[in-house]
């Protein structure tokens, strides 16, 4: 997994920088570089942490 995603934990809110139309997402799990996120607009996605750096949302 990219070190830039190492901070992710289940429950955190994130956005996908290349897919803003997916809306806000909640991290479900981070296992062996695969990040499962439930996005408001598109549902559950499993992402390769070496290919995308998710943006944390703190509001």
C-alpha atoms as a PDB file:
ATOM      1  CA  UNK A   1       0.000   0.000   0.000  1.00  0.00           C
ATOM      2  CA  UNK A   2       1.156   3.495  -0.693  1.00  0.00           C
ATOM      3  CA  UNK A   3       2.498   5.152   2.453  1.00  0.00           C
ATOM      4  CA  UNK A   4       0.267   8.078   1.566  1.00  0.00           C
ATOM      5  CA  UNK A   5      -2.796   5.940   2.369  1.00  0.00           C
ATOM      6  CA  UNK A   6      -1.269   4.439   5.519  1.00  0.00           C
ATOM      7  CA  UNK A   7      -3.266   6.822   7.737  1.00  0.00           C
ATOM      8  CA  UNK A   8      -6.636   5.416   6.589  1.00  0.00           C
ATOM      9  CA  UNK A   9      -8.767   3.590   9.138  1.00  0.00           C
ATOM     10  CA  UNK A  10     -12.305   2.232   9.034  1.00  0.00           C
ATOM     11  CA  UNK A  11     -14.853   4.967   9.665  1.00  0.00           C
ATOM     12  CA  UNK A  12     -12.804   7.775   8.137  1.00  0.00           C
ATOM     13  CA  UNK A  13     -14.463  10.018   5.548  1.00  0.00           C
ATOM     14  CA  UNK A  14     -12.671  10.437   2.213  1.00  0.00           C
ATOM     15  CA  UNK A  15     -13.061  11.661  -1.354  1.00  0.00           C
ATOM     16  CA  UNK A  16     -11.612  10.117  -4.507  1.00  0.00           C
ATOM     17  CA  UNK A  17      -9.584  12.902  -6.201  1.00  0.00           C
ATOM     18  CA  UNK A  18     -10.216  11.568  -9.708  1.00  0.00           C
ATOM     19  CA  UNK A  19     -13.934  10.870  -9.181  1.00  0.00           C
ATOM     20  CA  UNK A  20     -15.510  13.821  -7.324  1.00  0.00           C
ATOM     21  CA  UNK A  21     -18.957  12.794  -8.598  1.00  0.00           C
ATOM     22  CA  UNK A  22     -18.769   9.692  -6.366  1.00  0.00           C
ATOM     23  CA  UNK A  23     -19.373  11.985  -3.390  1.00  0.00           C
ATOM     24  CA  UNK A  24     -18.231  11.491   0.159  1.00  0.00           C
ATOM     25  CA  UNK A  25     -17.054   8.013   1.097  1.00  0.00           C
ATOM     26  CA  UNK A  26     -16.582   6.139   4.349  1.00  0.00           C
ATOM     27  CA  UNK A  27     -13.641   3.741   4.636  1.00  0.00           C
ATOM     28  CA  UNK A  28     -14.891   0.235   5.447  1.00  0.00           C
ATOM     29  CA  UNK A  29     -11.561  -1.619   5.497  1.00  0.00           C
ATOM     30  CA  UNK A  30      -7.883  -1.421   4.536  1.00  0.00           C
ATOM     31  CA  UNK A  31      -6.368  -4.856   3.893  1.00  0.00           C
ATOM     32  CA  UNK A  32      -3.138  -5.616   2.005  1.00  0.00           C
ATOM     33  CA  UNK A  33      -3.273  -2.393  -0.002  1.00  0.00           C
ATOM     34  CA  UNK A  34      -6.946  -2.768  -0.924  1.00  0.00           C
ATOM     35  CA  UNK A  35      -9.196  -0.039   0.425  1.00  0.00           C
ATOM     36  CA  UNK A  36     -12.935  -0.659   0.578  1.00  0.00           C
ATOM     37  CA  UNK A  37     -14.959   2.558   0.619  1.00  0.00           C
ATOM     38  CA  UNK A  38     -18.728   3.073   0.628  1.00  0.00           C
ATOM     39  CA  UNK A  39     -19.397   6.198  -1.484  1.00  0.00           C
ATOM     40  CA  UNK A  40     -22.666   8.163  -1.295  1.00  0.00           C
ATOM     41  CA  UNK A  41     -23.355   8.190  -5.021  1.00  0.00           C
ATOM     42  CA  UNK A  42     -21.923   4.887  -6.309  1.00  0.00           C
ATOM     43  CA  UNK A  43     -21.919   2.527  -3.331  1.00  0.00           C
ATOM     44  CA  UNK A  44     -19.103   0.202  -2.315  1.00  0.00           C
ATOM     45  CA  UNK A  45     -15.823   0.299  -4.245  1.00  0.00           C
ATOM     46  CA  UNK A  46     -12.614  -1.640  -3.648  1.00  0.00           C
ATOM     47  CA  UNK A  47      -9.629   0.516  -4.592  1.00  0.00           C
ATOM     48  CA  UNK A  48      -5.968  -0.324  -5.152  1.00  0.00           C
ATOM     49  CA  UNK A  49      -4.077   1.848  -2.663  1.00  0.00           C
ATOM     50  CA  UNK A  50      -1.005   1.886  -4.903  1.00  0.00           C
ATOM     51  CA  UNK A  51      -3.003   3.568  -7.711  1.00  0.00           C
ATOM     52  CA  UNK A  52      -5.044   6.193  -5.850  1.00  0.00           C
ATOM     53  CA  UNK A  53      -4.366   8.539  -2.947  1.00  0.00           C
ATOM     54  CA  UNK A  54      -7.647   9.232  -1.201  1.00  0.00           C
ATOM     55  CA  UNK A  55      -8.267  12.686   0.270  1.00  0.00           C
ATOM     56  CA  UNK A  56      -9.384  12.748   3.925  1.00  0.00           C
ATOM     57  CA  UNK A  57     -12.408  14.866   4.835  1.00  0.00           C
ATOM     58  CA  UNK A  58     -12.426  16.429   8.299  1.00  0.00           C
ATOM     59  CA  UNK A  59     -15.599  18.563   8.263  1.00  0.00           C
END
